């Protein structure tokens, strides 16, 4: 760990040690890394006696598969958040825009003299806080949260281990992208009580029957463009509003993990409804094209192999924009 990152962690830990009133925010449509990070750190701060709230812009409720992570009942709906707080923590969120309707809270906290701590691992992070713990080589934000917890001198109990393992297993694609140190971290979390089988079942493998017809319908829209993505191949599918309404958010977000498995494509994309005339786009790279730069060109961001953005217009118009961005995206 570099001296700069270590310094940032120590400064952030000093801030957290005196925290008495904290709001932790995940990005919109939060995944296990975002919510696992927020709930793990929130649990530790709550255990230390602080008033803690965990929230996100959308959806209105905690994703069902992630509810077992909230052992302290820290999730707070939007209408129950205070006007401001002395410490706002944004996790796994590279820009205020990814907070959705909560984006304005960043400036509100600053204007009120509060601190904004940003904990993230995205290369596209804009550095929008008053303090930052950002490491673009960390596989997941939970990796950084564990470093903060250690810097606080706090115990990693079972609820913390469960939250951190959930973020780790999902953001490393089931440890396919994990470094040796990350496997060591996983072992430590398991020793602290995390149950790998139960966590994977709740977050990755457990689906209602409605998932099957939805997936069948969406996959029927899949198209392969062998010459797309600079000749590496481009596969894409579109989720309709009706299909999205038939299942949980978790099922919709998981479609990309099926589409990306096509060996003929270097890049996969799934378009999901985002409002009446918009699309939330998930991009995945097989390793040759940096999709984070393509997403950044479209107003989004992410990682080299996994990124996303939000686009307006018809599905055909959104796909045209994606094709253009991929055509000029740098090679890895």
Protein backbone atom coordinates (compact mmCIF):
# COMPACT_ATOMS: atom_id res chain seq x y z
CA UNK A 1 0.00 0.00 0.00
CA UNK A 2 1.42 3.36 -1.04
CA UNK A 3 2.29 6.03 1.51
CA UNK A 4 -0.29 8.41 0.03
CA UNK A 5 -3.11 5.89 0.38
CA UNK A 6 -1.96 4.97 3.89
CA UNK A 7 -1.99 8.66 4.81
CA UNK A 8 -5.51 9.06 3.43
CA UNK A 9 -6.69 6.03 5.40
CA UNK A 10 -5.17 7.36 8.61
CA UNK A 11 -6.75 10.78 8.08
CA UNK A 12 -10.13 9.20 7.35
CA UNK A 13 -9.85 6.93 10.40
CA UNK A 14 -9.13 9.95 12.59
CA UNK A 15 -12.30 11.56 11.24
CA UNK A 16 -14.35 8.41 11.86
CA UNK A 17 -13.10 8.06 15.44
CA UNK A 18 -14.86 11.30 16.42
CA UNK A 19 -18.00 10.72 14.33
CA UNK A 20 -21.30 10.87 16.22
CA UNK A 21 -23.80 11.48 13.38
CA UNK A 22 -23.18 9.88 10.00
CA UNK A 23 -25.03 9.27 6.76
CA UNK A 24 -23.53 6.67 4.42
CA UNK A 25 -24.67 6.72 0.80
CA UNK A 26 -24.40 4.06 -1.88
CA UNK A 27 -24.89 4.74 -5.58
CA UNK A 28 -28.27 4.34 -7.27
CA UNK A 29 -29.37 0.75 -7.91
CA UNK A 30 -26.79 -0.35 -5.32
CA UNK A 31 -24.92 -3.61 -5.70
CA UNK A 32 -23.32 -5.78 -3.04
CA UNK A 33 -20.06 -3.80 -3.08
CA UNK A 34 -21.77 -0.45 -2.56
CA UNK A 35 -24.22 -1.61 0.12
CA UNK A 36 -21.83 -4.10 1.67
CA UNK A 37 -19.32 -1.27 2.10
CA UNK A 38 -21.89 1.13 3.55
CA UNK A 39 -23.43 -1.41 5.92
CA UNK A 40 -20.09 -2.82 7.13
CA UNK A 41 -18.70 0.62 7.97
CA UNK A 42 -22.09 1.70 9.28
CA UNK A 43 -22.23 -1.33 11.59
CA UNK A 44 -18.82 -0.47 13.04
CA UNK A 45 -19.74 3.19 13.59
CA UNK A 46 -23.10 2.17 15.09
CA UNK A 47 -21.25 -0.21 17.41
CA UNK A 48 -19.08 2.72 18.48
CA UNK A 49 -22.20 4.66 19.50
CA UNK A 50 -22.73 6.94 16.50
CA UNK A 51 -26.12 7.77 14.99
CA UNK A 52 -25.92 6.03 11.61
CA UNK A 53 -28.08 6.07 8.49
CA UNK A 54 -27.51 4.16 5.23
CA UNK A 55 -29.38 5.22 2.11
CA UNK A 56 -29.36 5.50 -1.70
CA UNK A 57 -31.26 7.40 -4.38
CA UNK A 58 -33.13 4.53 -6.04
CA UNK A 59 -34.94 2.17 -5.65
CA UNK A 60 -37.18 3.16 -2.75
CA UNK A 61 -36.47 -0.03 -0.81
CA UNK A 62 -33.46 -2.15 0.04
CA UNK A 63 -32.87 -4.81 -2.65
CA UNK A 64 -34.33 -8.04 -1.29
CA UNK A 65 -31.18 -10.10 -1.79
CA UNK A 66 -29.11 -7.59 0.20
CA UNK A 67 -31.46 -7.19 3.16
CA UNK A 68 -29.72 -9.90 5.23
CA UNK A 69 -26.65 -7.62 5.32
CA UNK A 70 -28.49 -4.93 7.32
CA UNK A 71 -28.39 -6.54 10.75
CA UNK A 72 -28.74 -3.20 12.58
CA UNK A 73 -31.67 -1.81 10.56
CA UNK A 74 -29.54 1.09 9.31
CA UNK A 75 -31.33 1.54 5.99
CA UNK A 76 -33.12 4.90 6.01
CA UNK A 77 -35.66 5.90 3.32
CA UNK A 78 -35.14 9.23 1.58
CA UNK A 79 -37.99 10.97 3.38
CA UNK A 80 -36.45 10.12 6.76
CA UNK A 81 -33.01 11.60 6.10
CA UNK A 82 -32.12 14.83 7.93
CA UNK A 83 -31.52 18.01 5.95
CA UNK A 84 -27.78 17.59 6.47
CA UNK A 85 -25.27 15.82 8.67
CA UNK A 86 -21.81 16.60 10.03
CA UNK A 87 -20.31 13.62 8.18
CA UNK A 88 -21.47 12.30 4.83
CA UNK A 89 -19.76 9.20 3.43
CA UNK A 90 -20.18 8.22 -0.22
CA UNK A 91 -19.11 4.67 -1.02
CA UNK A 92 -18.38 3.02 -4.38
CA UNK A 93 -19.60 6.21 -6.05
CA UNK A 94 -17.22 7.94 -8.50
CA UNK A 95 -19.29 11.10 -8.97
CA UNK A 96 -22.18 12.91 -7.25
CA UNK A 97 -24.33 12.16 -10.30
CA UNK A 98 -24.24 8.45 -9.37
CA UNK A 99 -26.04 9.35 -6.13
CA UNK A 100 -29.11 10.27 -8.16
CA UNK A 101 -31.59 12.42 -6.26
CA UNK A 102 -29.17 12.52 -3.31
CA UNK A 103 -26.39 14.21 -5.32
CA UNK A 104 -27.17 17.64 -3.86
CA UNK A 105 -26.40 16.38 -0.35
CA UNK A 106 -22.68 16.56 -1.15
CA UNK A 107 -22.75 20.35 -1.56
CA UNK A 108 -25.32 20.72 1.23
CA UNK A 109 -22.98 18.98 3.67
CA UNK A 110 -20.03 21.10 2.57
CA UNK A 111 -22.03 24.35 2.77
CA UNK A 112 -23.08 23.45 6.31
CA UNK A 113 -19.44 22.99 7.31
CA UNK A 114 -19.60 19.20 7.32
CA UNK A 115 -17.13 16.66 5.98
CA UNK A 116 -17.67 14.51 2.89
CA UNK A 117 -15.61 11.32 2.86
CA UNK A 118 -15.43 9.46 -0.46
CA UNK A 119 -14.38 5.79 -0.36
CA UNK A 120 -14.11 4.29 -3.82
CA UNK A 121 -12.08 2.21 -6.28
CA UNK A 122 -13.22 3.61 -9.62
CA UNK A 123 -10.62 5.16 -11.93
CA UNK A 124 -13.28 7.69 -12.97
CA UNK A 125 -13.64 9.12 -9.44
CA UNK A 126 -13.91 12.91 -9.60
CA UNK A 127 -12.49 13.64 -6.14
CA UNK A 128 -15.63 15.48 -5.03
CA UNK A 129 -15.28 15.06 -1.27
CA UNK A 130 -13.39 16.94 1.43
CA UNK A 131 -11.48 13.72 2.18
CA UNK A 132 -10.84 10.71 -0.01
CA UNK A 133 -9.82 7.08 0.28
CA UNK A 134 -9.61 6.12 -3.39
CA UNK A 135 -7.53 3.26 -4.77
CA UNK A 136 -8.09 2.38 -8.42
CA UNK A 137 -6.18 -0.91 -8.13
CA UNK A 138 -8.44 -2.24 -5.37
CA UNK A 139 -10.81 -4.85 -6.79
CA UNK A 140 -13.72 -3.57 -4.68
CA UNK A 141 -14.62 -0.75 -2.33
CA UNK A 142 -15.01 -3.29 0.49
CA UNK A 143 -11.23 -3.80 0.32
CA UNK A 144 -10.78 -0.15 1.34
CA UNK A 145 -13.49 -0.34 3.98
CA UNK A 146 -11.63 -3.22 5.66
CA UNK A 147 -8.49 -1.08 5.72
CA UNK A 148 -10.49 1.71 7.39
CA UNK A 149 -11.92 -0.69 9.97
CA UNK A 150 -8.43 -1.97 10.73
CA UNK A 151 -7.14 1.60 11.03
CA UNK A 152 -9.91 2.25 13.55
CA UNK A 153 -8.71 -0.72 15.54
CA UNK A 154 -12.16 -2.29 15.37
CA UNK A 155 -13.06 -5.97 15.37
CA UNK A 156 -14.24 -7.68 12.20
CA UNK A 157 -17.25 -9.55 13.56
CA UNK A 158 -19.63 -11.78 11.60
CA UNK A 159 -21.94 -8.98 10.31
CA UNK A 160 -18.94 -7.00 9.05
CA UNK A 161 -17.39 -10.11 7.50
CA UNK A 162 -20.68 -10.98 5.77
CA UNK A 163 -21.03 -7.51 4.25
CA UNK A 164 -17.43 -7.34 3.09
CA UNK A 165 -17.45 -10.85 1.62
CA UNK A 166 -20.64 -10.05 -0.31
CA UNK A 167 -18.97 -7.10 -2.01
CA UNK A 168 -15.78 -9.04 -2.60
CA UNK A 169 -17.35 -12.09 -4.25
CA UNK A 170 -19.52 -10.02 -6.58
CA UNK A 171 -17.03 -7.34 -7.65
CA UNK A 172 -14.33 -9.92 -8.42
CA UNK A 173 -16.72 -12.03 -10.54
CA UNK A 174 -16.60 -14.86 -8.07
CA UNK A 175 -12.86 -14.27 -7.42
CA UNK A 176 -11.98 -14.71 -11.10
CA UNK A 177 -10.42 -11.22 -11.03
CA UNK A 178 -8.99 -11.37 -7.52
CA UNK A 179 -5.34 -10.87 -6.61
CA UNK A 180 -3.62 -13.16 -4.08
CA UNK A 181 -4.08 -10.53 -1.37
CA UNK A 182 -7.81 -10.53 -2.04
CA UNK A 183 -8.00 -14.29 -1.55
CA UNK A 184 -6.20 -13.76 1.77
CA UNK A 185 -8.82 -11.16 2.66
CA UNK A 186 -11.59 -13.64 1.79
CA UNK A 187 -9.99 -16.25 4.05
CA UNK A 188 -9.85 -13.74 6.89
CA UNK A 189 -13.56 -12.91 6.42
CA UNK A 190 -14.52 -16.58 6.40
CA UNK A 191 -12.54 -17.11 9.59
CA UNK A 192 -14.50 -14.18 11.08
CA UNK A 193 -17.80 -15.92 10.34
CA UNK A 194 -18.77 -15.15 6.74
CA UNK A 195 -20.58 -18.12 5.17
CA UNK A 196 -19.56 -18.25 1.46
CA UNK A 197 -22.29 -20.68 0.45
CA UNK A 198 -25.08 -18.74 2.14
CA UNK A 199 -23.86 -15.37 0.82
CA UNK A 200 -23.54 -16.66 -2.74
CA UNK A 201 -26.96 -18.28 -2.53
CA UNK A 202 -28.68 -15.11 -1.26
CA UNK A 203 -26.97 -12.65 -3.61
CA UNK A 204 -25.99 -14.58 -6.74
CA UNK A 205 -27.89 -17.85 -7.09
CA UNK A 206 -31.34 -17.32 -5.60
CA UNK A 207 -34.03 -16.32 -8.16
CA UNK A 208 -37.83 -16.54 -8.35
CA UNK A 209 -39.36 -18.61 -11.14
CA UNK A 210 -40.28 -15.37 -12.98
CA UNK A 211 -36.57 -14.96 -13.65
CA UNK A 212 -36.65 -17.78 -16.21
CA UNK A 213 -39.31 -16.38 -18.58
CA UNK A 214 -37.83 -12.88 -18.20
CA UNK A 215 -34.39 -14.15 -19.09
CA UNK A 216 -35.76 -16.14 -22.03
CA UNK A 217 -37.54 -13.08 -23.39
CA UNK A 218 -34.55 -10.78 -22.98
CA UNK A 219 -32.10 -13.24 -24.51
CA UNK A 220 -34.33 -13.47 -27.57
CA UNK A 221 -33.36 -9.84 -28.26
CA UNK A 222 -29.63 -10.61 -28.10
CA UNK A 223 -27.68 -9.77 -31.22
CA UNK A 224 -24.04 -10.42 -32.09
CA UNK A 225 -22.08 -7.98 -34.24
CA UNK A 226 -18.86 -9.89 -35.07
CA UNK A 227 -17.14 -6.79 -36.49
CA UNK A 228 -18.24 -4.53 -33.65
CA UNK A 229 -16.04 -3.28 -30.80
CA UNK A 230 -13.04 -2.77 -33.09
CA UNK A 231 -13.37 -6.27 -34.53
CA UNK A 232 -13.43 -8.07 -31.17
CA UNK A 233 -17.19 -8.60 -31.42
CA UNK A 234 -20.10 -6.85 -29.73
CA UNK A 235 -23.09 -8.64 -28.21
CA UNK A 236 -26.05 -6.78 -26.77
CA UNK A 237 -29.55 -7.35 -25.38
CA UNK A 238 -32.39 -5.09 -24.29
CA UNK A 239 -34.66 -5.42 -21.25
CA UNK A 240 -38.11 -3.95 -21.87
CA UNK A 241 -40.12 -2.02 -19.28
CA UNK A 242 -42.57 -4.93 -19.09
CA UNK A 243 -39.79 -7.45 -18.50
CA UNK A 244 -38.18 -5.26 -15.86
CA UNK A 245 -41.51 -4.99 -14.03
CA UNK A 246 -41.87 -8.77 -13.82
CA UNK A 247 -38.89 -9.42 -11.53
CA UNK A 248 -36.72 -7.85 -8.83
CA UNK A 249 -33.93 -5.39 -9.57
CA UNK A 250 -31.45 -8.15 -8.78
CA UNK A 251 -32.66 -10.26 -11.71
CA UNK A 252 -32.41 -7.35 -14.15
CA UNK A 253 -28.91 -6.40 -13.01
CA UNK A 254 -27.80 -10.02 -13.39
CA UNK A 255 -28.67 -10.31 -17.08
CA UNK A 256 -25.27 -8.91 -18.09
CA UNK A 257 -23.57 -11.85 -16.37
CA UNK A 258 -25.30 -14.18 -18.81
CA UNK A 259 -24.79 -12.10 -21.94
CA UNK A 260 -21.09 -11.49 -21.24
CA UNK A 261 -20.36 -15.22 -21.41
CA UNK A 262 -20.53 -15.26 -25.23
CA UNK A 263 -17.07 -16.27 -26.48
CA UNK A 264 -17.59 -14.53 -29.85
CA UNK A 265 -17.77 -11.05 -28.30
CA UNK A 266 -15.08 -8.90 -26.75
CA UNK A 267 -17.69 -6.54 -25.31
CA UNK A 268 -21.19 -7.18 -23.98
CA UNK A 269 -23.91 -4.62 -23.25
CA UNK A 270 -27.34 -4.83 -21.66
CA UNK A 271 -29.81 -1.96 -21.82
CA UNK A 272 -32.23 -1.69 -18.89
CA UNK A 273 -35.12 0.79 -18.54
CA UNK A 274 -34.29 3.99 -16.67
CA UNK A 275 -37.40 6.13 -16.81
CA UNK A 276 -39.84 6.45 -19.72
CA UNK A 277 -37.20 7.38 -22.32
CA UNK A 278 -33.87 6.32 -20.84
CA UNK A 279 -31.60 3.33 -20.45
CA UNK A 280 -29.21 2.18 -17.76
CA UNK A 281 -26.39 0.48 -19.64
CA UNK A 282 -24.14 -2.27 -18.28
CA UNK A 283 -20.90 -2.87 -20.21
CA UNK A 284 -18.50 -5.78 -19.79
CA UNK A 285 -15.17 -6.42 -21.52
CA UNK A 286 -13.54 -9.78 -22.12
CA UNK A 287 -10.19 -8.10 -21.59
CA UNK A 288 -9.12 -6.33 -24.78
CA UNK A 289 -11.15 -3.10 -24.67
CA UNK A 290 -11.30 -0.63 -21.78
CA UNK A 291 -15.06 -0.19 -21.37
CA UNK A 292 -14.58 2.34 -18.57
CA UNK A 293 -13.34 4.85 -21.13
CA UNK A 294 -16.26 4.09 -23.44
CA UNK A 295 -18.65 4.61 -20.53
CA UNK A 296 -16.86 7.82 -19.54
CA UNK A 297 -17.31 9.17 -23.07
CA UNK A 298 -21.03 8.56 -22.61
CA UNK A 299 -21.22 10.32 -19.25
CA UNK A 300 -20.70 7.25 -17.08
CA UNK A 301 -17.71 5.40 -15.70
CA UNK A 302 -16.53 2.26 -14.00
CA UNK A 303 -13.67 -0.18 -14.37
CA UNK A 304 -11.59 -1.40 -17.27
CA UNK A 305 -13.61 -4.62 -17.54
CA UNK A 306 -16.96 -3.48 -16.11
CA UNK A 307 -18.61 -0.11 -16.51
CA UNK A 308 -21.91 1.61 -17.13
CA UNK A 309 -23.74 4.76 -18.10
CA UNK A 310 -27.23 6.21 -18.58
CA UNK A 311 -28.48 7.16 -22.04
CA UNK A 312 -31.63 8.79 -23.38
CA UNK A 313 -33.62 7.98 -26.50
CA UNK A 314 -34.70 4.74 -28.10
CA UNK A 315 -32.81 1.50 -27.65
CA UNK A 316 -31.55 1.77 -31.24
CA UNK A 317 -30.26 5.29 -30.61
CA UNK A 318 -28.55 4.22 -27.39
CA UNK A 319 -26.87 1.29 -29.15
CA UNK A 320 -25.57 3.62 -31.86
CA UNK A 321 -23.95 5.78 -29.18
CA UNK A 322 -22.40 2.72 -27.55
CA UNK A 323 -21.01 1.50 -30.87
CA UNK A 324 -19.39 4.90 -31.48
CA UNK A 325 -17.83 4.96 -28.00
CA UNK A 326 -16.48 1.43 -28.35
CA UNK A 327 -14.98 2.23 -31.74
CA UNK A 328 -12.57 4.70 -30.13
CA UNK A 329 -12.12 3.09 -26.70
CA UNK A 330 -8.47 2.30 -25.86
CA UNK A 331 -7.21 -1.24 -25.99
CA UNK A 332 -5.91 -2.88 -22.85
